[in-house]
Amino acid sequence: MGKIKSAIITVIVTLATLVLFLFGVVSCGLPDGVHRYNSILSNIHLGSEFTGDAYTTLLPEGVITSEEYNFTVAEEGDKAAEYEETYVASASGAYYVDRDVLEGYSSDTQSAFAALASEVESDAAKLSQRISARNYTSYSVNVVDGCAIRVNVPTNFTYAAYTGNDVTSLTDDLLYASTALGYLTLGGELTLRNTVSSLGQWDSVSSSQSQDEHETVTYNIISSKYDISDIISGFSYYAVGGSYAVRVNLTSLGREVISEKTTAIAESDDTYIRFYVGGTSIINLTCESAITEGSFYIEASDEETARNYAALLNSAVNGGELALEYSYDEVVYGTAVSGENAAMFTAIAALVIFAALAVYAVARYKKLGLLFALMALLFCSAMIAVIYLVGTTLTMAGVFMWLLTFALFTISNFWAYESIRKESQAGRTIQASVKRGYRNTLAGILDTHIVIAVISVMLALIGVGEVAACGMVLLIGTLASYLLYWFTRFMWYTTMSPARDKYKFCGFKREAFEDDD
């Protein structure tokens, strides 16, 4: 390759890599002094180790906190006697339970508390299954004092939102956790309703409050002789081409019943099937014609909404309905588990590792080391861009997977370099050494990448939560490592071609052999 062509390719690749890296990791204020550019890295959603989690405490009907009880007794004298007569303190005194609620279990207070705790434990297990179905990277569901449930889910903040540098993203991320908790903690059975009485002739009237606060009278369209699980076998999240939906899978009986009902609904004044959990309307299906297939789809506005709906509805239809009705005052957002500046310190540590490898590569391989540093920079930039585009949540374990694939990329290249060094010391030309060096290491490098890629696919497809996220990061890094391994060879050939002393370019020393006299 000629000097001019080599120089042009090298300059283009170098500039493109530097620009991609700068846009990927550097955030800064814009010249207008008002707006700010947030890098691609700062817009990747992070796990609770970096940005904290959101939590709330669910209280069954008739249970209040000690703070509410003590405030009422101390500050509102007219209600003090009433509260003291009405409520009984829990074992630790953190909560108070209405006597009427306890008497619904047993006349003996201790037995009643035990029965209440049993139901709360059962509901906590069902909540844990619902949240697990949401595929969060981390979460926790814990029973508190036998009469309350504390639920923790990731905030899903980006670093830009977490540090207050992206108000729009912060608003969206705040809704992410609170909306999920609002849906996933709903109690009650799943029912399918319509407002036309003749379509719900088998069941009594139900009432609910619509958004405009007017009463909406609805009727259960499924006969009381059927359980909802006789009609619907399950719900699942579905996405294709940027559209999101909840897939509803019907049983064989369900196909007959839903076909009959949707035929009538399509010709009625109300063409909606309303899916309710307890007294809350979750999602509506528009029936323009009869549904005769074994499954159908209900469109959702975005991915998170579709996942929330699917997790809640699938739980409700498969025996996961909560025994008690719960309420909570607010969702609290905690700080990062690993420290407020954990994300920044992790980024600095990664930068130090990169710098150390770059210095080592330059010291050992001279100009070839600079080329390796450039390719390593391209590897990191590509990883940032793809993780952002795929939408994977990056956790501490995910960062470890990232470093693991970076180590894979580094070792693959250094292995090839050392093999080439040995070939050149054996007396071959640099061109022949490169060919033989890459040929000698190809099988081992290819096998290693294939094995890691298979493991990563298994983790991504079979695993859930953080395991699946780590599998995705590992897969992205493995593919990037192998592709850039070959691109490194191409750039080596491109940048080395004009060099007069190719051994000096690579940092290799040619052994001098003398004939014996």
Protein backbone atom coordinates (compact mmCIF):
# COMPACT_ATOMS: atom_id res chain seq x y z
CA MET A 1 0.00 0.00 0.00
CA GLY A 2 1.33 3.43 -0.94
CA LYS A 3 2.28 6.11 1.55
CA ILE A 4 -0.50 8.51 0.53
CA LYS A 5 -3.27 5.90 0.69
CA SER A 6 -1.90 4.59 3.98
CA ALA A 7 -1.80 8.10 5.46
CA ILE A 8 -5.36 8.88 4.33
CA ILE A 9 -6.81 5.69 5.83
CA THR A 10 -4.87 6.16 9.06
CA VAL A 11 -6.01 9.78 9.47
CA ILE A 12 -9.66 8.91 8.74
CA VAL A 13 -9.73 5.99 11.20
CA THR A 14 -7.91 7.97 13.88
CA LEU A 15 -10.18 11.01 13.60
CA ALA A 16 -13.33 8.87 13.48
CA THR A 17 -12.24 6.94 16.56
CA LEU A 18 -11.38 10.07 18.52
CA VAL A 19 -14.64 11.78 17.57
CA LEU A 20 -16.67 8.69 18.50
CA PHE A 21 -14.83 8.41 21.80
CA LEU A 22 -15.31 12.09 22.65
CA PHE A 23 -19.03 11.97 21.87
CA GLY A 24 -19.21 8.70 23.78
CA VAL A 25 -17.65 9.75 27.08
CA VAL A 26 -17.30 13.55 27.32
CA SER A 27 -20.21 15.65 28.59
CA CYS A 28 -19.98 19.43 28.52
CA GLY A 29 -21.91 22.66 28.51
CA LEU A 30 -22.76 24.15 25.13
CA PRO A 31 -21.52 27.61 24.06
CA ASP A 32 -24.91 29.23 24.72
CA GLY A 33 -24.29 28.69 28.43
CA VAL A 34 -27.76 27.20 28.92
CA HIS A 35 -27.89 23.82 27.26
CA ARG A 36 -25.63 20.87 27.87
CA TYR A 37 -24.42 17.92 25.81
CA ASN A 38 -24.64 14.65 27.71
CA SER A 39 -22.40 11.90 26.37
CA ILE A 40 -23.61 8.50 25.18
CA LEU A 41 -22.04 6.91 28.27
CA SER A 42 -23.93 9.24 30.61
CA ASN A 43 -27.20 8.22 28.93
CA ILE A 44 -26.81 4.48 29.58
CA HIS A 45 -29.20 3.28 32.27
CA LEU A 46 -27.35 2.13 35.38
CA GLY A 47 -28.06 -0.43 38.10
CA SER A 48 -28.79 0.35 41.73
CA GLU A 49 -25.09 0.03 42.65
CA PHE A 50 -24.50 3.28 40.76
CA THR A 51 -27.76 5.26 41.04
CA GLY A 52 -29.64 3.76 43.97
CA ASP A 53 -33.05 2.16 44.11
CA ALA A 54 -36.65 3.17 44.64
CA TYR A 55 -38.62 1.69 47.49
CA THR A 56 -41.98 1.92 49.16
CA THR A 57 -43.78 0.20 52.04
CA LEU A 58 -47.10 -1.45 51.23
CA LEU A 59 -49.71 -1.37 53.99
CA PRO A 60 -52.76 -3.66 53.95
CA GLU A 61 -56.15 -2.10 54.55
CA GLY A 62 -56.51 -1.31 58.25
CA VAL A 63 -52.76 -0.99 58.92
CA ILE A 64 -51.13 2.37 59.66
CA THR A 65 -47.59 3.40 60.59
CA SER A 66 -46.57 4.27 64.13
CA GLU A 67 -45.74 7.78 62.88
CA GLU A 68 -49.34 8.31 61.77
CA TYR A 69 -50.71 6.80 64.97
CA ASN A 70 -48.48 8.85 67.30
CA PHE A 71 -49.08 12.07 65.37
CA THR A 72 -52.83 11.62 65.54
CA VAL A 73 -52.82 10.75 69.24
CA ALA A 74 -50.48 13.61 70.14
CA GLU A 75 -51.74 16.37 67.83
CA GLU A 76 -55.44 15.64 67.37
CA GLY A 77 -56.90 15.22 70.84
CA ASP A 78 -60.42 14.58 69.61
CA LYS A 79 -59.21 11.42 67.82
CA ALA A 80 -56.76 10.20 70.44
CA ALA A 81 -59.26 8.08 72.35
CA GLU A 82 -60.72 6.72 69.13
CA TYR A 83 -57.30 5.65 67.80
CA GLU A 84 -56.27 4.10 71.12
CA GLU A 85 -59.46 2.04 71.14
CA THR A 86 -59.35 1.14 67.43
CA TYR A 87 -55.74 0.12 66.81
CA VAL A 88 -53.44 -2.53 68.25
CA ALA A 89 -49.64 -2.23 68.01
CA SER A 90 -47.61 -4.81 66.11
CA ALA A 91 -44.83 -6.79 67.79
CA SER A 92 -42.18 -4.11 67.28
CA GLY A 93 -44.57 -1.20 67.56
CA ALA A 94 -43.68 0.02 64.06
CA TYR A 95 -47.25 -0.46 62.82
CA TYR A 96 -50.78 -0.44 64.22
CA VAL A 97 -53.58 -2.71 63.02
CA ASP A 98 -57.32 -2.07 63.18
CA ARG A 99 -59.02 -4.36 65.71
CA ASP A 100 -61.81 -5.11 63.24
CA VAL A 101 -59.25 -6.42 60.75
CA LEU A 102 -57.70 -8.66 63.38
CA GLU A 103 -61.08 -9.96 64.55
CA GLY A 104 -61.73 -11.02 60.98
CA TYR A 105 -59.00 -13.61 61.52
CA SER A 106 -59.46 -14.62 65.14
CA SER A 107 -60.78 -13.35 68.44
CA ASP A 108 -57.35 -14.03 69.92
CA THR A 109 -55.04 -11.11 69.11
CA GLN A 110 -51.88 -13.20 68.90
CA SER A 111 -53.50 -15.75 66.57
CA ALA A 112 -54.96 -12.93 64.47
CA PHE A 113 -51.52 -11.32 64.03
CA ALA A 114 -50.11 -14.70 62.99
CA ALA A 115 -52.87 -15.21 60.41
CA LEU A 116 -52.37 -11.70 59.04
CA ALA A 117 -48.62 -12.29 58.82
CA SER A 118 -49.25 -15.52 56.90
CA GLU A 119 -51.33 -13.72 54.27
CA VAL A 120 -48.80 -10.91 54.00
CA GLU A 121 -45.99 -13.46 53.53
CA SER A 122 -47.98 -15.17 50.78
CA ASP A 123 -48.61 -11.86 49.03
CA ALA A 124 -44.92 -10.94 49.34
CA ALA A 125 -43.99 -14.15 47.51
CA LYS A 126 -46.47 -13.34 44.74
CA LEU A 127 -45.12 -9.79 44.47
CA SER A 128 -41.61 -11.17 44.20
CA GLN A 129 -42.70 -13.35 41.27
CA ARG A 130 -44.31 -10.37 39.54
CA ILE A 131 -41.24 -8.21 39.94
CA SER A 132 -39.00 -11.06 38.82
CA ALA A 133 -41.08 -11.27 35.63
CA ARG A 134 -40.21 -7.61 34.99
CA ASN A 135 -36.62 -8.76 34.46
CA TYR A 136 -35.08 -6.12 36.73
CA THR A 137 -31.34 -6.30 37.33
CA SER A 138 -32.01 -6.25 41.08
CA TYR A 139 -34.95 -6.01 43.44
CA SER A 140 -36.07 -7.09 46.91
CA VAL A 141 -39.40 -7.85 48.60
CA ASN A 142 -39.37 -8.11 52.40
CA VAL A 143 -42.11 -8.51 55.00
CA VAL A 144 -41.80 -5.94 57.80
CA ASP A 145 -43.13 -6.78 61.26
CA GLY A 146 -45.60 -9.30 59.83
CA CYS A 147 -48.02 -6.66 58.56
CA ALA A 148 -46.28 -4.61 55.85
CA ILE A 149 -44.20 -5.26 52.74
CA ARG A 150 -41.20 -3.23 51.65
CA VAL A 151 -40.47 -3.39 47.92
CA ASN A 152 -37.22 -2.16 46.33
CA VAL A 153 -36.70 -1.83 42.56
CA PRO A 154 -33.90 -0.14 40.55
CA THR A 155 -34.38 3.52 39.73
CA ASN A 156 -33.13 2.94 36.17
CA PHE A 157 -31.50 6.39 36.26
CA THR A 158 -28.96 7.37 33.67
CA TYR A 159 -25.86 9.02 35.09
CA ALA A 160 -26.94 12.32 33.49
CA ALA A 161 -30.31 12.10 35.24
CA TYR A 162 -28.74 10.96 38.52
CA THR A 163 -26.44 13.99 38.63
CA GLY A 164 -29.23 16.38 37.60
CA ASN A 165 -27.76 17.16 34.18
CA ASP A 166 -30.74 15.83 32.22
CA VAL A 167 -34.08 17.03 33.56
CA THR A 168 -36.13 15.31 30.84
CA SER A 169 -34.52 11.94 31.43
CA LEU A 170 -34.84 12.42 35.20
CA THR A 171 -38.60 12.91 34.88
CA ASP A 172 -38.94 9.78 32.76
CA ASP A 173 -36.80 7.73 35.12
CA LEU A 174 -38.76 8.87 38.17
CA LEU A 175 -41.92 7.59 36.49
CA TYR A 176 -40.19 4.32 35.59
CA ALA A 177 -40.03 3.02 39.15
CA SER A 178 -43.17 4.62 40.57
CA THR A 179 -45.34 3.43 37.68
CA ALA A 180 -44.00 -0.11 37.94
CA LEU A 181 -44.70 -0.19 41.69
CA GLY A 182 -48.14 1.22 41.11
CA TYR A 183 -49.11 -1.58 38.73
CA LEU A 184 -47.19 -4.54 40.16
CA THR A 185 -48.63 -4.07 43.66
CA LEU A 186 -52.29 -4.06 42.61
CA GLY A 187 -54.49 -6.62 44.35
CA GLY A 188 -57.67 -8.32 43.19
CA GLU A 189 -58.79 -10.79 40.55
CA LEU A 190 -58.54 -10.35 36.80
CA THR A 191 -61.84 -9.66 35.06
CA LEU A 192 -62.81 -8.76 31.49
CA ARG A 193 -65.49 -6.10 31.34
CA ASN A 194 -67.71 -4.09 29.02
CA THR A 195 -70.28 -1.34 29.64
CA VAL A 196 -73.11 -3.03 27.70
CA SER A 197 -75.28 -4.98 30.14
CA SER A 198 -76.52 -7.55 27.64
CA LEU A 199 -72.93 -8.68 27.04
CA GLY A 200 -72.43 -9.32 30.74
CA GLN A 201 -75.78 -10.94 31.40
CA TRP A 202 -74.26 -13.75 33.49
CA ASP A 203 -72.76 -11.48 36.10
CA SER A 204 -73.77 -8.72 38.45
CA VAL A 205 -72.89 -5.10 37.86
CA SER A 206 -69.49 -3.72 38.89
CA SER A 207 -68.65 -0.04 39.31
CA SER A 208 -65.37 1.81 38.93
CA GLN A 209 -64.14 5.36 38.85
CA SER A 210 -62.92 6.71 35.52
CA GLN A 211 -60.32 9.44 35.12
CA ASP A 212 -62.98 12.17 34.97
CA GLU A 213 -64.30 10.91 38.35
CA HIS A 214 -67.68 9.90 36.93
CA GLU A 215 -68.92 6.45 37.83
CA THR A 216 -68.58 3.96 35.00
CA VAL A 217 -70.80 0.90 35.24
CA THR A 218 -69.15 -2.22 33.84
CA TYR A 219 -70.15 -5.87 33.52
CA ASN A 220 -67.99 -8.96 33.64
CA ILE A 221 -68.30 -10.54 30.20
CA ILE A 222 -67.01 -13.95 31.32
CA SER A 223 -69.58 -16.27 32.88
CA SER A 224 -69.21 -16.95 36.59
CA LYS A 225 -69.21 -20.68 35.84
CA TYR A 226 -65.73 -20.22 34.36
CA ASP A 227 -62.52 -19.29 36.11
CA ILE A 228 -60.48 -16.70 34.19
CA SER A 229 -57.69 -19.28 33.83
CA ASP A 230 -60.16 -21.47 31.90
CA ILE A 231 -60.26 -18.73 29.27
CA ILE A 232 -56.76 -17.22 29.27
CA SER A 233 -53.63 -19.33 29.69
CA GLY A 234 -51.25 -16.39 30.15
CA PHE A 235 -49.89 -13.00 29.10
CA SER A 236 -46.44 -12.12 27.79
CA TYR A 237 -44.44 -9.08 26.71
CA TYR A 238 -44.06 -8.65 22.95
CA ALA A 239 -41.98 -6.22 20.88
CA VAL A 240 -41.27 -5.91 17.18
CA GLY A 241 -40.05 -3.05 15.01
CA GLY A 242 -40.21 -0.45 17.79
CA SER A 243 -43.81 -1.33 18.71
CA TYR A 244 -44.72 -2.87 22.05
CA ALA A 245 -47.66 -5.00 23.07
CA VAL A 246 -49.05 -7.51 25.51
CA ARG A 247 -49.72 -10.91 24.01
CA VAL A 248 -52.83 -12.69 25.31
CA ASN A 249 -52.78 -16.48 24.97
CA LEU A 250 -56.14 -18.28 25.01
CA THR A 251 -57.09 -21.81 25.95
CA SER A 252 -59.20 -23.89 23.53
CA LEU A 253 -62.29 -22.97 25.54
CA GLY A 254 -61.10 -19.38 25.60
CA ARG A 255 -61.03 -19.26 21.79
CA GLU A 256 -64.70 -20.22 21.66
CA VAL A 257 -65.79 -17.83 24.41
CA ILE A 258 -63.72 -14.85 23.20
CA SER A 259 -64.84 -15.45 19.59
CA GLU A 260 -68.46 -15.34 20.70
CA LYS A 261 -67.99 -12.30 22.89
CA THR A 262 -65.92 -10.26 20.44
CA THR A 263 -68.46 -10.92 17.69
CA ALA A 264 -71.12 -9.31 19.85
CA ILE A 265 -68.84 -6.52 21.15
CA ALA A 266 -67.79 -5.50 17.64
CA GLU A 267 -71.46 -4.82 16.85
CA SER A 268 -72.30 -3.09 20.16
CA ASP A 269 -72.12 0.53 21.31
CA ASP A 270 -68.98 -0.22 23.35
CA THR A 271 -66.32 -1.96 21.25
CA TYR A 272 -63.81 -2.36 24.10
CA ILE A 273 -62.86 -5.26 26.29
CA ARG A 274 -61.54 -3.75 29.50
CA PHE A 275 -59.01 -5.76 31.50
CA TYR A 276 -59.40 -5.08 35.23
CA VAL A 277 -57.32 -6.19 38.19
CA GLY A 278 -59.49 -5.67 41.22
CA GLY A 279 -61.16 -2.31 40.70
CA THR A 280 -58.44 -0.86 38.46
CA SER A 281 -58.68 -0.75 34.67
CA ILE A 282 -55.34 -1.89 33.25
CA ILE A 283 -55.62 -2.04 29.48
CA ASN A 284 -58.29 -1.99 26.77
CA LEU A 285 -58.71 -4.05 23.61
CA THR A 286 -60.60 -2.59 20.67
CA CYS A 287 -62.77 -5.21 18.95
CA GLU A 288 -63.43 -4.31 15.33
CA SER A 289 -64.22 -7.91 14.43
CA ALA A 290 -64.36 -11.34 16.02
CA ILE A 291 -61.14 -12.81 17.44
CA THR A 292 -60.82 -16.41 16.34
CA GLU A 293 -57.09 -17.09 16.83
CA GLY A 294 -55.45 -18.70 19.84
CA SER A 295 -53.74 -15.44 20.78
CA PHE A 296 -54.05 -11.72 20.17
CA TYR A 297 -52.09 -8.55 20.95
CA ILE A 298 -52.95 -5.39 22.84
CA GLU A 299 -50.71 -2.45 21.94
CA ALA A 300 -48.94 -0.50 24.71
CA SER A 301 -47.44 2.99 24.55
CA ASP A 302 -43.86 1.96 25.39
CA GLU A 303 -41.67 -0.95 26.46
CA GLU A 304 -41.88 -0.37 30.22
CA THR A 305 -45.67 -0.11 30.15
CA ALA A 306 -45.96 -3.32 28.15
CA ARG A 307 -43.67 -5.15 30.59
CA ASN A 308 -45.65 -3.87 33.59
CA TYR A 309 -48.97 -4.94 32.08
CA ALA A 310 -47.68 -8.37 31.07
CA ALA A 311 -46.15 -9.11 34.49
CA LEU A 312 -49.25 -8.01 36.40
CA LEU A 313 -51.84 -9.70 34.18
CA ASN A 314 -49.90 -12.95 33.86
CA SER A 315 -49.63 -13.12 37.64
CA ALA A 316 -53.32 -12.40 38.13
CA VAL A 317 -54.45 -15.07 35.65
CA ASN A 318 -52.16 -17.77 37.05
CA GLY A 319 -53.13 -17.70 40.71
CA GLY A 320 -50.91 -14.76 41.64
CA GLU A 321 -53.65 -12.38 42.71
CA LEU A 322 -52.96 -10.74 46.06
CA ALA A 323 -55.12 -11.72 49.01
CA LEU A 324 -55.10 -8.22 50.48
CA GLU A 325 -55.53 -4.70 49.15
CA TYR A 326 -52.43 -2.55 49.71
CA SER A 327 -51.71 1.16 49.69
CA TYR A 328 -48.59 3.30 50.06
CA ASP A 329 -47.91 6.98 50.61
CA GLU A 330 -44.90 7.60 48.38
CA VAL A 331 -42.00 6.11 46.48
CA VAL A 332 -38.65 7.00 48.05
CA TYR A 333 -35.48 7.18 45.97
CA GLY A 334 -32.34 6.06 47.80
CA THR A 335 -28.70 6.72 47.09
CA ALA A 336 -26.37 4.33 45.30
CA VAL A 337 -25.57 1.14 47.20
CA SER A 338 -21.85 1.49 46.44
CA GLY A 339 -21.70 5.19 47.26
CA GLU A 340 -22.95 8.40 45.74
CA ASN A 341 -19.96 8.69 43.38
CA ALA A 342 -19.64 4.98 42.56
CA ALA A 343 -20.26 5.50 38.84
CA MET A 344 -17.63 8.23 38.57
CA PHE A 345 -15.04 6.21 40.50
CA THR A 346 -15.74 3.15 38.35
CA ALA A 347 -15.23 5.21 35.19
CA ILE A 348 -11.95 6.59 36.57
CA ALA A 349 -10.75 3.08 37.45
CA ALA A 350 -11.56 1.90 33.92
CA LEU A 351 -9.68 4.88 32.48
CA VAL A 352 -6.63 4.06 34.63
CA ILE A 353 -6.68 0.44 33.42
CA PHE A 354 -6.90 1.61 29.82
CA ALA A 355 -4.05 4.09 30.28
CA ALA A 356 -1.83 1.48 31.94
CA LEU A 357 -2.37 -0.99 29.07
CA ALA A 358 -1.71 1.73 26.50
CA VAL A 359 1.58 2.70 28.19
CA TYR A 360 2.63 -0.94 28.39
CA ALA A 361 1.76 -1.52 24.72
CA VAL A 362 3.75 1.52 23.57
CA ALA A 363 6.73 0.57 25.73
CA ARG A 364 6.83 -2.96 24.39
CA TYR A 365 5.63 -2.57 20.80
CA LYS A 366 6.56 1.06 20.00
CA LYS A 367 4.40 2.44 17.15
CA LEU A 368 2.48 -0.82 17.02
CA GLY A 369 1.57 -0.13 20.64
CA LEU A 370 0.08 3.21 19.58
CA LEU A 371 -1.97 1.37 17.01
CA PHE A 372 -3.18 -1.07 19.67
CA ALA A 373 -4.15 1.88 21.91
CA LEU A 374 -6.17 3.38 19.06
CA MET A 375 -7.97 0.07 18.45
CA ALA A 376 -8.60 -0.32 22.18
CA LEU A 377 -10.15 3.16 22.14
CA LEU A 378 -12.34 2.08 19.23
CA PHE A 379 -13.33 -1.06 21.16
CA CYS A 380 -14.48 0.98 24.17
CA SER A 381 -16.34 3.46 21.96
CA ALA A 382 -18.12 0.67 20.10
CA MET A 383 -19.11 -1.00 23.39
CA ILE A 384 -20.57 2.26 24.73
CA ALA A 385 -22.55 2.90 21.55
CA VAL A 386 -23.97 -0.63 21.24
CA ILE A 387 -24.90 -0.95 24.93
CA TYR A 388 -26.72 2.37 24.66
CA LEU A 389 -28.56 1.37 21.47
CA VAL A 390 -29.54 -2.06 22.79
CA GLY A 391 -30.83 -0.46 26.00
CA THR A 392 -29.05 -2.81 28.41
CA THR A 393 -28.90 -1.68 32.04
CA LEU A 394 -25.27 -1.53 33.15
CA THR A 395 -24.59 -2.91 36.63
CA MET A 396 -21.35 -3.46 38.54
CA ALA A 397 -21.33 -7.04 37.29
CA GLY A 398 -21.91 -5.70 33.78
CA VAL A 399 -18.84 -3.47 34.13
CA PHE A 400 -16.87 -6.56 35.13
CA MET A 401 -18.12 -8.32 31.98
CA TRP A 402 -17.05 -5.26 29.98
CA LEU A 403 -13.54 -5.43 31.47
CA LEU A 404 -13.46 -9.17 30.84
CA THR A 405 -14.14 -8.67 27.13
CA PHE A 406 -11.59 -5.86 27.02
CA ALA A 407 -9.07 -8.28 28.51
CA LEU A 408 -10.09 -10.80 25.84
CA PHE A 409 -9.44 -8.22 23.11
CA THR A 410 -6.08 -7.28 24.68
CA ILE A 411 -4.87 -10.85 25.18
CA SER A 412 -5.90 -11.84 21.65
CA ASN A 413 -3.83 -9.07 20.13
CA PHE A 414 -0.83 -9.48 22.42
CA TRP A 415 -0.87 -13.24 21.78
CA ALA A 416 -0.69 -12.59 18.04
CA TYR A 417 2.04 -9.97 18.48
CA GLU A 418 4.22 -12.34 20.52
CA SER A 419 3.71 -15.12 17.99
CA ILE A 420 4.83 -12.75 15.23
CA ARG A 421 7.84 -11.73 17.33
CA LYS A 422 8.92 -15.38 17.62
CA GLU A 423 8.53 -15.91 13.88
CA SER A 424 10.62 -12.82 13.10
CA GLN A 425 13.33 -13.92 15.53
CA ALA A 426 13.44 -17.23 13.70
CA GLY A 427 14.74 -15.33 10.66
CA ARG A 428 11.56 -14.73 8.63
CA THR A 429 10.63 -11.42 7.05
CA ILE A 430 8.11 -9.27 8.85
CA GLN A 431 5.45 -9.99 6.20
CA ALA A 432 5.94 -13.75 6.53
CA SER A 433 6.04 -13.45 10.32
CA VAL A 434 2.69 -11.64 10.38
CA LYS A 435 1.03 -14.29 8.24
CA ARG A 436 2.42 -17.20 10.23
CA GLY A 437 1.85 -15.47 13.58
CA TYR A 438 -1.83 -14.86 12.92
CA ARG A 439 -2.22 -18.34 11.44
CA ASN A 440 -0.65 -19.94 14.53
CA THR A 441 -2.96 -18.14 16.95
CA LEU A 442 -6.17 -18.10 14.90
CA ALA A 443 -7.54 -21.45 16.09
CA GLY A 444 -7.06 -20.66 19.78
CA ILE A 445 -8.46 -17.14 19.49
CA LEU A 446 -11.44 -18.28 17.43
CA ASP A 447 -12.25 -21.13 19.82
CA THR A 448 -12.03 -18.83 22.83
CA HIS A 449 -14.38 -16.28 21.27
CA ILE A 450 -16.87 -18.95 20.20
CA VAL A 451 -16.98 -20.51 23.67
CA ILE A 452 -17.48 -17.14 25.38
CA ALA A 453 -20.09 -16.11 22.79
CA VAL A 454 -22.08 -19.32 23.40
CA ILE A 455 -21.93 -18.78 27.17
CA SER A 456 -23.07 -15.16 26.77
CA VAL A 457 -26.02 -16.16 24.56
CA MET A 458 -27.10 -18.74 27.12
CA LEU A 459 -26.90 -16.16 29.91
CA ALA A 460 -28.84 -13.59 27.87
CA LEU A 461 -31.60 -15.99 26.80
CA ILE A 462 -31.97 -18.23 29.83
CA GLY A 463 -30.99 -15.87 32.63
CA VAL A 464 -33.17 -13.13 34.08
CA GLY A 465 -32.44 -9.73 35.56
CA GLU A 466 -28.80 -8.97 36.14
CA VAL A 467 -27.69 -12.33 34.72
CA ALA A 468 -29.38 -11.59 31.39
CA ALA A 469 -27.91 -8.05 31.33
CA CYS A 470 -24.42 -9.43 31.98
CA GLY A 471 -24.92 -11.98 29.21
CA MET A 472 -25.82 -9.21 26.78
CA VAL A 473 -22.77 -7.11 27.72
CA LEU A 474 -20.55 -10.19 27.41
CA LEU A 475 -21.97 -11.00 23.97
CA ILE A 476 -21.53 -7.43 22.69
CA GLY A 477 -17.95 -7.33 23.97
CA THR A 478 -17.04 -10.74 22.54
CA LEU A 479 -18.30 -9.84 19.07
CA ALA A 480 -16.54 -6.46 19.23
CA SER A 481 -13.32 -8.14 20.35
CA TYR A 482 -13.25 -10.59 17.46
CA LEU A 483 -14.22 -8.07 14.77
CA LEU A 484 -11.70 -5.50 15.97
CA TYR A 485 -9.03 -8.18 16.28
CA TRP A 486 -9.14 -8.50 12.49
CA PHE A 487 -9.50 -4.77 12.00
CA THR A 488 -6.33 -4.34 14.08
CA ARG A 489 -4.48 -6.59 11.66
CA PHE A 490 -5.76 -4.52 8.74
CA MET A 491 -4.66 -1.27 10.42
CA TRP A 492 -1.28 -2.82 11.25
CA TYR A 493 -0.78 -3.60 7.58
CA THR A 494 -1.99 -0.12 6.60
CA THR A 495 0.18 1.89 8.99
CA MET A 496 3.27 -0.32 8.74
CA SER A 497 3.46 -0.37 4.94
CA PRO A 498 5.25 3.00 4.50
CA ALA A 499 7.75 2.29 7.30
CA ARG A 500 11.28 1.69 6.08
CA ASP A 501 12.29 -0.35 9.11
CA LYS A 502 9.26 -2.48 9.85
CA TYR A 503 10.98 -4.25 12.73
CA LYS A 504 11.57 -0.93 14.44
CA PHE A 505 7.91 0.03 13.82
CA CYS A 506 6.81 -3.08 15.72
CA GLY A 507 9.41 -2.82 18.45
CA PHE A 508 10.93 -6.14 17.40
CA LYS A 509 14.66 -6.89 17.44
CA ARG A 510 16.05 -9.05 14.68
CA GLU A 511 18.51 -11.67 15.87
CA ALA A 512 21.84 -11.63 14.08
CA PHE A 513 23.13 -15.05 13.08
CA GLU A 514 26.80 -15.62 12.27
CA ASP A 515 28.21 -18.62 10.41
CA ASP A 516 30.60 -20.79 12.39
CA ASP A 517 34.16 -20.76 11.03
